[in-house]
PDB file of N, CA and C in Angstrom:
ATOM      1  N   UNK A   1     123.570  67.254  99.264  1.00  0.00           N
ATOM      2  CA  UNK A   1     123.464  68.694  99.379  1.00  0.00           C
ATOM      3  C   UNK A   1     122.547  69.212  98.274  1.00  0.00           C
ATOM      4  N   UNK A   2     121.664  70.102  98.631  1.00  0.00           N
ATOM      5  CA  UNK A   2     120.727  70.665  97.660  1.00  0.00           C
ATOM      6  C   UNK A   2     121.384  71.780  96.865  1.00  0.00           C
ATOM      7  N   UNK A   3     121.083  71.783  95.593  1.00  0.00           N
ATOM      8  CA  UNK A   3     121.634  72.826  94.729  1.00  0.00           C
ATOM      9  C   UNK A   3     120.805  74.096  94.890  1.00  0.00           C
ATOM     10  N   UNK A   4     121.489  75.216  95.073  1.00  0.00           N
ATOM     11  CA  UNK A   4     120.804  76.499  95.214  1.00  0.00           C
ATOM     12  C   UNK A   4     120.358  77.019  93.874  1.00  0.00           C
ATOM     13  N   UNK A   5     119.234  77.731  93.874  1.00  0.00           N
ATOM     14  CA  UNK A   5     118.730  78.372  92.669  1.00  0.00           C
ATOM     15  C   UNK A   5     118.842  79.879  92.848  1.00  0.00           C
ATOM     16  N   UNK A   6     119.151  80.563  91.767  1.00  0.00           N
ATOM     17  CA  UNK A   6     119.342  82.007  91.804  1.00  0.00           C
ATOM     18  C   UNK A   6     118.393  82.658  90.795  1.00  0.00           C
ATOM     19  N   UNK A   7     117.200  83.017  91.234  1.00  0.00           N
ATOM     20  CA  UNK A   7     116.205  83.595  90.339  1.00  0.00           C
ATOM     21  C   UNK A   7     116.535  85.004  89.892  1.00  0.00           C
ATOM     22  N   UNK A   8     116.972  85.853  90.822  1.00  0.00           N
ATOM     23  CA  UNK A   8     117.252  87.251  90.491  1.00  0.00           C
ATOM     24  C   UNK A   8     118.420  87.374  89.502  1.00  0.00           C
ATOM     25  N   UNK A   9     119.556  86.699  89.715  1.00  0.00           N
ATOM     26  CA  UNK A   9     120.623  86.781  88.717  1.00  0.00           C
ATOM     27  C   UNK A   9     120.194  86.269  87.340  1.00  0.00           C
ATOM     28  N   UNK A  10     119.312  85.269  87.304  1.00  0.00           N
ATOM     29  CA  UNK A  10     118.838  84.759  86.011  1.00  0.00           C
ATOM     30  C   UNK A  10     118.015  85.814  85.289  1.00  0.00           C
ATOM     31  N   UNK A  11     117.164  86.510  86.019  1.00  0.00           N
ATOM     32  CA  UNK A  11     116.357  87.572  85.409  1.00  0.00           C
ATOM     33  C   UNK A  11     117.257  88.707  84.925  1.00  0.00           C
ATOM     34  N   UNK A  12     118.252  89.051  85.723  1.00  0.00           N
ATOM     35  CA  UNK A  12     119.195  90.098  85.320  1.00  0.00           C
ATOM     36  C   UNK A  12     119.950  89.662  84.069  1.00  0.00           C
ATOM     37  N   UNK A  13     120.317  88.375  83.994  1.00  0.00           N
ATOM     38  CA  UNK A  13     121.036  87.873  82.822  1.00  0.00           C
ATOM     39  C   UNK A  13     120.172  87.868  81.573  1.00  0.00           C
ATOM     40  N   UNK A  14     118.863  87.748  81.736  1.00  0.00           N
ATOM     41  CA  UNK A  14     117.977  87.861  80.583  1.00  0.00           C
ATOM     42  C   UNK A  14     118.061  89.250  79.972  1.00  0.00           C
ATOM     43  N   UNK A  15     118.203  90.251  80.831  1.00  0.00           N
ATOM     44  CA  UNK A  15     118.240  91.640  80.362  1.00  0.00           C
ATOM     45  C   UNK A  15     119.625  92.059  79.889  1.00  0.00           C
ATOM     46  N   UNK A  16     120.659  91.726  80.664  1.00  0.00           N
ATOM     47  CA  UNK A  16     122.044  92.083  80.325  1.00  0.00           C
ATOM     48  C   UNK A  16     122.889  90.824  80.488  1.00  0.00           C
ATOM     49  N   UNK A  17     123.216  90.158  79.386  1.00  0.00           N
ATOM     50  CA  UNK A  17     123.990  88.916  79.483  1.00  0.00           C
ATOM     51  C   UNK A  17     125.310  89.106  80.225  1.00  0.00           C
ATOM     52  N   UNK A  18     125.546  88.217  81.194  1.00  0.00           N
ATOM     53  CA  UNK A  18     126.771  88.257  81.988  1.00  0.00           C
ATOM     54  C   UNK A  18     126.624  89.001  83.300  1.00  0.00           C
ATOM     55  N   UNK A  19     125.663  89.887  83.395  1.00  0.00           N
ATOM     56  CA  UNK A  19     125.504  90.679  84.612  1.00  0.00           C
ATOM     57  C   UNK A  19     125.015  89.824  85.782  1.00  0.00           C
ATOM     58  N   UNK A  20     124.250  88.789  85.505  1.00  0.00           N
ATOM     59  CA  UNK A  20     123.800  87.886  86.568  1.00  0.00           C
ATOM     60  C   UNK A  20     124.962  87.192  87.248  1.00  0.00           C
ATOM     61  N   UNK A  21     125.961  86.787  86.467  1.00  0.00           N
ATOM     62  CA  UNK A  21     127.148  86.158  87.045  1.00  0.00           C
ATOM     63  C   UNK A  21     127.926  87.175  87.874  1.00  0.00           C
ATOM     64  N   UNK A  22     128.004  88.408  87.412  1.00  0.00           N
ATOM     65  CA  UNK A  22     128.706  89.451  88.166  1.00  0.00           C
ATOM     66  C   UNK A  22     127.994  89.712  89.483  1.00  0.00           C
ATOM     67  N   UNK A  23     126.660  89.727  89.477  1.00  0.00           N
ATOM     68  CA  UNK A  23     125.881  89.929  90.709  1.00  0.00           C
ATOM     69  C   UNK A  23     126.145  88.794  91.699  1.00  0.00           C
ATOM     70  N   UNK A  24     126.335  87.563  91.199  1.00  0.00           N
ATOM     71  CA  UNK A  24     126.628  86.415  92.064  1.00  0.00           C
ATOM     72  C   UNK A  24     128.061  86.423  92.569  1.00  0.00           C
ATOM     73  N   UNK A  25     128.896  87.327  92.049  1.00  0.00           N
ATOM     74  CA  UNK A  25     130.280  87.400  92.489  1.00  0.00           C
ATOM     75  C   UNK A  25     131.257  86.739  91.539  1.00  0.00           C
ATOM     76  N   UNK A  26     130.772  86.225  90.422  1.00  0.00           N
ATOM     77  CA  UNK A  26     131.635  85.586  89.423  1.00  0.00           C
ATOM     78  C   UNK A  26     131.994  86.629  88.363  1.00  0.00           C
ATOM     79  N   UNK A  27     132.848  87.563  88.744  1.00  0.00           N
ATOM     80  CA  UNK A  27     133.139  88.723  87.907  1.00  0.00           C
ATOM     81  C   UNK A  27     133.817  88.333  86.596  1.00  0.00           C
ATOM     82  N   UNK A  28     134.851  87.499  86.656  1.00  0.00           N
ATOM     83  CA  UNK A  28     135.570  87.129  85.442  1.00  0.00           C
ATOM     84  C   UNK A  28     134.698  86.307  84.499  1.00  0.00           C
ATOM     85  N   UNK A  29     133.842  85.454  85.056  1.00  0.00           N
ATOM     86  CA  UNK A  29     132.934  84.676  84.217  1.00  0.00           C
ATOM     87  C   UNK A  29     131.947  85.602  83.517  1.00  0.00           C
ATOM     88  N   UNK A  30     131.416  86.581  84.244  1.00  0.00           N
ATOM     89  CA  UNK A  30     130.483  87.535  83.652  1.00  0.00           C
ATOM     90  C   UNK A  30     131.117  88.357  82.548  1.00  0.00           C
ATOM     91  N   UNK A  31     132.337  88.821  82.785  1.00  0.00           N
ATOM     92  CA  UNK A  31     133.047  89.594  81.758  1.00  0.00           C
ATOM     93  C   UNK A  31     133.381  88.712  80.557  1.00  0.00           C
ATOM     94  N   UNK A  32     133.714  87.461  80.812  1.00  0.00           N
ATOM     95  CA  UNK A  32     133.990  86.521  79.727  1.00  0.00           C
ATOM     96  C   UNK A  32     132.766  86.263  78.867  1.00  0.00           C
ATOM     97  N   UNK A  33     131.606  86.161  79.523  1.00  0.00           N
ATOM     98  CA  UNK A  33     130.359  85.959  78.785  1.00  0.00           C
ATOM     99  C   UNK A  33     130.050  87.179  77.928  1.00  0.00           C
ATOM    100  N   UNK A  34     130.258  88.358  78.484  1.00  0.00           N
ATOM    101  CA  UNK A  34     130.027  89.582  77.706  1.00  0.00           C
ATOM    102  C   UNK A  34     130.942  89.632  76.490  1.00  0.00           C
ATOM    103  N   UNK A  35     132.207  89.283  76.687  1.00  0.00           N
ATOM    104  CA  UNK A  35     133.170  89.280  75.576  1.00  0.00           C
ATOM    105  C   UNK A  35     132.798  88.213  74.546  1.00  0.00           C
ATOM    106  N   UNK A  36     132.400  87.033  75.012  1.00  0.00           N
ATOM    107  CA  UNK A  36     132.045  85.947  74.099  1.00  0.00           C
ATOM    108  C   UNK A  36     130.830  86.322  73.257  1.00  0.00           C
ATOM    109  N   UNK A  37     129.845  86.961  73.873  1.00  0.00           N
ATOM    110  CA  UNK A  37     128.671  87.371  73.111  1.00  0.00           C
ATOM    111  C   UNK A  37     129.004  88.474  72.114  1.00  0.00           C
ATOM    112  N   UNK A  38     129.910  89.363  72.479  1.00  0.00           N
ATOM    113  CA  UNK A  38     130.324  90.412  71.550  1.00  0.00           C
ATOM    114  C   UNK A  38     131.019  89.801  70.337  1.00  0.00           C
ATOM    115  N   UNK A  39     131.956  88.899  70.594  1.00  0.00           N
ATOM    116  CA  UNK A  39     132.681  88.248  69.505  1.00  0.00           C
ATOM    117  C   UNK A  39     131.727  87.402  68.663  1.00  0.00           C
ATOM    118  N   UNK A  40     130.813  86.704  69.324  1.00  0.00           N
ATOM    119  CA  UNK A  40     129.844  85.893  68.607  1.00  0.00           C
ATOM    120  C   UNK A  40     128.937  86.765  67.736  1.00  0.00           C
ATOM    121  N   UNK A  41     128.596  87.940  68.226  1.00  0.00           N
ATOM    122  CA  UNK A  41     127.806  88.870  67.422  1.00  0.00           C
ATOM    123  C   UNK A  41     128.567  89.328  66.191  1.00  0.00           C
ATOM    124  N   UNK A  42     129.863  89.553  66.341  1.00  0.00           N
ATOM    125  CA  UNK A  42     130.689  89.917  65.188  1.00  0.00           C
ATOM    126  C   UNK A  42     130.779  88.761  64.193  1.00  0.00           C
ATOM    127  N   UNK A  43     130.786  87.544  64.701  1.00  0.00           N
ATOM    128  CA  UNK A  43     130.874  86.377  63.829  1.00  0.00           C
ATOM    129  C   UNK A  43     129.582  86.138  63.036  1.00  0.00           C
ATOM    130  N   UNK A  44     128.536  86.878  63.357  1.00  0.00           N
ATOM    131  CA  UNK A  44     127.306  86.769  62.577  1.00  0.00           C
ATOM    132  C   UNK A  44     127.543  87.213  61.137  1.00  0.00           C
ATOM    133  N   UNK A  45     128.599  87.974  60.921  1.00  0.00           N
ATOM    134  CA  UNK A  45     128.951  88.391  59.566  1.00  0.00           C
ATOM    135  C   UNK A  45     129.256  87.166  58.703  1.00  0.00           C
ATOM    136  N   UNK A  46     129.892  86.159  59.296  1.00  0.00           N
ATOM    137  CA  UNK A  46     130.215  84.947  58.550  1.00  0.00           C
ATOM    138  C   UNK A  46     129.261  83.800  58.901  1.00  0.00           C
ATOM    139  N   UNK A  47     128.111  84.128  59.419  1.00  0.00           N
ATOM    140  CA  UNK A  47     126.985  83.230  59.680  1.00  0.00           C
ATOM    141  C   UNK A  47     127.117  82.324  60.899  1.00  0.00           C
ATOM    142  N   UNK A  48     128.304  81.969  61.366  1.00  0.00           N
ATOM    143  CA  UNK A  48     128.426  81.079  62.529  1.00  0.00           C
ATOM    144  C   UNK A  48     127.873  81.756  63.780  1.00  0.00           C
ATOM    145  N   UNK A  49     127.916  83.078  63.814  1.00  0.00           N
ATOM    146  CA  UNK A  49     127.394  83.815  64.958  1.00  0.00           C
ATOM    147  C   UNK A  49     125.907  83.615  65.173  1.00  0.00           C
ATOM    148  N   UNK A  50     125.177  83.285  64.107  1.00  0.00           N
ATOM    149  CA  UNK A  50     123.740  83.034  64.251  1.00  0.00           C
ATOM    150  C   UNK A  50     123.470  81.746  65.018  1.00  0.00           C
ATOM    151  N   UNK A  51     124.458  80.882  65.092  1.00  0.00           N
ATOM    152  CA  UNK A  51     124.328  79.646  65.872  1.00  0.00           C
ATOM    153  C   UNK A  51     124.897  79.842  67.273  1.00  0.00           C
ATOM    154  N   UNK A  52     126.071  80.453  67.372  1.00  0.00           N
ATOM    155  CA  UNK A  52     126.744  80.558  68.664  1.00  0.00           C
ATOM    156  C   UNK A  52     126.103  81.579  69.600  1.00  0.00           C
ATOM    157  N   UNK A  53     125.586  82.665  69.076  1.00  0.00           N
ATOM    158  CA  UNK A  53     125.017  83.705  69.937  1.00  0.00           C
ATOM    159  C   UNK A  53     123.841  83.191  70.772  1.00  0.00           C
ATOM    160  N   UNK A  54     122.831  82.544  70.167  1.00  0.00           N
ATOM    161  CA  UNK A  54     121.740  82.024  71.011  1.00  0.00           C
ATOM    162  C   UNK A  54     122.201  80.951  71.992  1.00  0.00           C
ATOM    163  N   UNK A  55     123.163  80.115  71.574  1.00  0.00           N
ATOM    164  CA  UNK A  55     123.666  79.075  72.485  1.00  0.00           C
ATOM    165  C   UNK A  55     124.316  79.697  73.718  1.00  0.00           C
ATOM    166  N   UNK A  56     125.167  80.684  73.507  1.00  0.00           N
ATOM    167  CA  UNK A  56     125.828  81.353  74.631  1.00  0.00           C
ATOM    168  C   UNK A  56     124.801  82.072  75.492  1.00  0.00           C
ATOM    169  N   UNK A  57     123.854  82.748  74.852  1.00  0.00           N
ATOM    170  CA  UNK A  57     122.846  83.523  75.588  1.00  0.00           C
ATOM    171  C   UNK A  57     122.030  82.625  76.514  1.00  0.00           C
ATOM    172  N   UNK A  58     121.483  81.533  75.989  1.00  0.00           N
ATOM    173  CA  UNK A  58     120.637  80.676  76.819  1.00  0.00           C
ATOM    174  C   UNK A  58     121.443  79.917  77.865  1.00  0.00           C
ATOM    175  N   UNK A  59     122.688  79.547  77.531  1.00  0.00           N
ATOM    176  CA  UNK A  59     123.533  78.881  78.521  1.00  0.00           C
ATOM    177  C   UNK A  59     123.813  79.807  79.698  1.00  0.00           C
ATOM    178  N   UNK A  60     124.105  81.075  79.433  1.00  0.00           N
ATOM    179  CA  UNK A  60     124.470  81.974  80.523  1.00  0.00           C
ATOM    180  C   UNK A  60     123.277  82.260  81.437  1.00  0.00           C
ATOM    181  N   UNK A  61     122.059  82.251  80.901  1.00  0.00           N
ATOM    182  CA  UNK A  61     120.875  82.403  81.766  1.00  0.00           C
ATOM    183  C   UNK A  61     120.732  81.162  82.641  1.00  0.00           C
ATOM    184  N   UNK A  62     120.894  79.981  82.046  1.00  0.00           N
ATOM    185  CA  UNK A  62     120.829  78.735  82.808  1.00  0.00           C
ATOM    186  C   UNK A  62     121.906  78.706  83.890  1.00  0.00           C
ATOM    187  N   UNK A  63     123.113  79.126  83.537  1.00  0.00           N
ATOM    188  CA  UNK A  63     124.232  79.154  84.480  1.00  0.00           C
ATOM    189  C   UNK A  63     123.953  80.128  85.629  1.00  0.00           C
ATOM    190  N   UNK A  64     123.381  81.290  85.322  1.00  0.00           N
ATOM    191  CA  UNK A  64     123.087  82.267  86.373  1.00  0.00           C
ATOM    192  C   UNK A  64     122.037  81.717  87.335  1.00  0.00           C
ATOM    193  N   UNK A  65     121.141  80.868  86.842  1.00  0.00           N
ATOM    194  CA  UNK A  65     120.088  80.327  87.691  1.00  0.00           C
ATOM    195  C   UNK A  65     120.563  79.140  88.534  1.00  0.00           C
ATOM    196  N   UNK A  66     121.375  78.272  87.992  1.00  0.00           N
ATOM    197  CA  UNK A  66     121.716  77.019  88.656  1.00  0.00           C
ATOM    198  C   UNK A  66     123.072  76.950  89.323  1.00  0.00           C
ATOM    199  N   UNK A  67     124.104  77.447  88.704  1.00  0.00           N
ATOM    200  CA  UNK A  67     125.469  77.191  89.158  1.00  0.00           C
ATOM    201  C   UNK A  67     125.780  77.871  90.492  1.00  0.00           C
ATOM    202  N   UNK A  68     126.585  77.184  91.268  1.00  0.00           N
ATOM    203  CA  UNK A  68     127.056  77.746  92.542  1.00  0.00           C
ATOM    204  C   UNK A  68     128.184  78.733  92.287  1.00  0.00           C
ATOM    205  N   UNK A  69     128.221  79.816  93.029  1.00  0.00           N
ATOM    206  CA  UNK A  69     129.330  80.773  92.839  1.00  0.00           C
ATOM    207  C   UNK A  69     130.633  80.253  93.411  1.00  0.00           C
TER     208      UNK A  69
END
C-alpha cells in the first residue's frame, strides 16, 4: 500500500504548529502538539526548551506531511 502525502496540512503546520494535524482530523494530536510547543517554549527559561522546541516543530511538520490520519 502506498503511503499518502499531505502537502497542504504540512504547509499549514509550518505556519501554525499543530493546525495541520487538526485539518487532517487528528484533533487531539494537534492540540497536544500545541500544548507541547507551549510548554517547550516555557522550558527555554531553563535552556532545555532551545533543544526541544525545534525538535517538536520539525517533527510535527513531518508528521503532518507523511502520517495517515
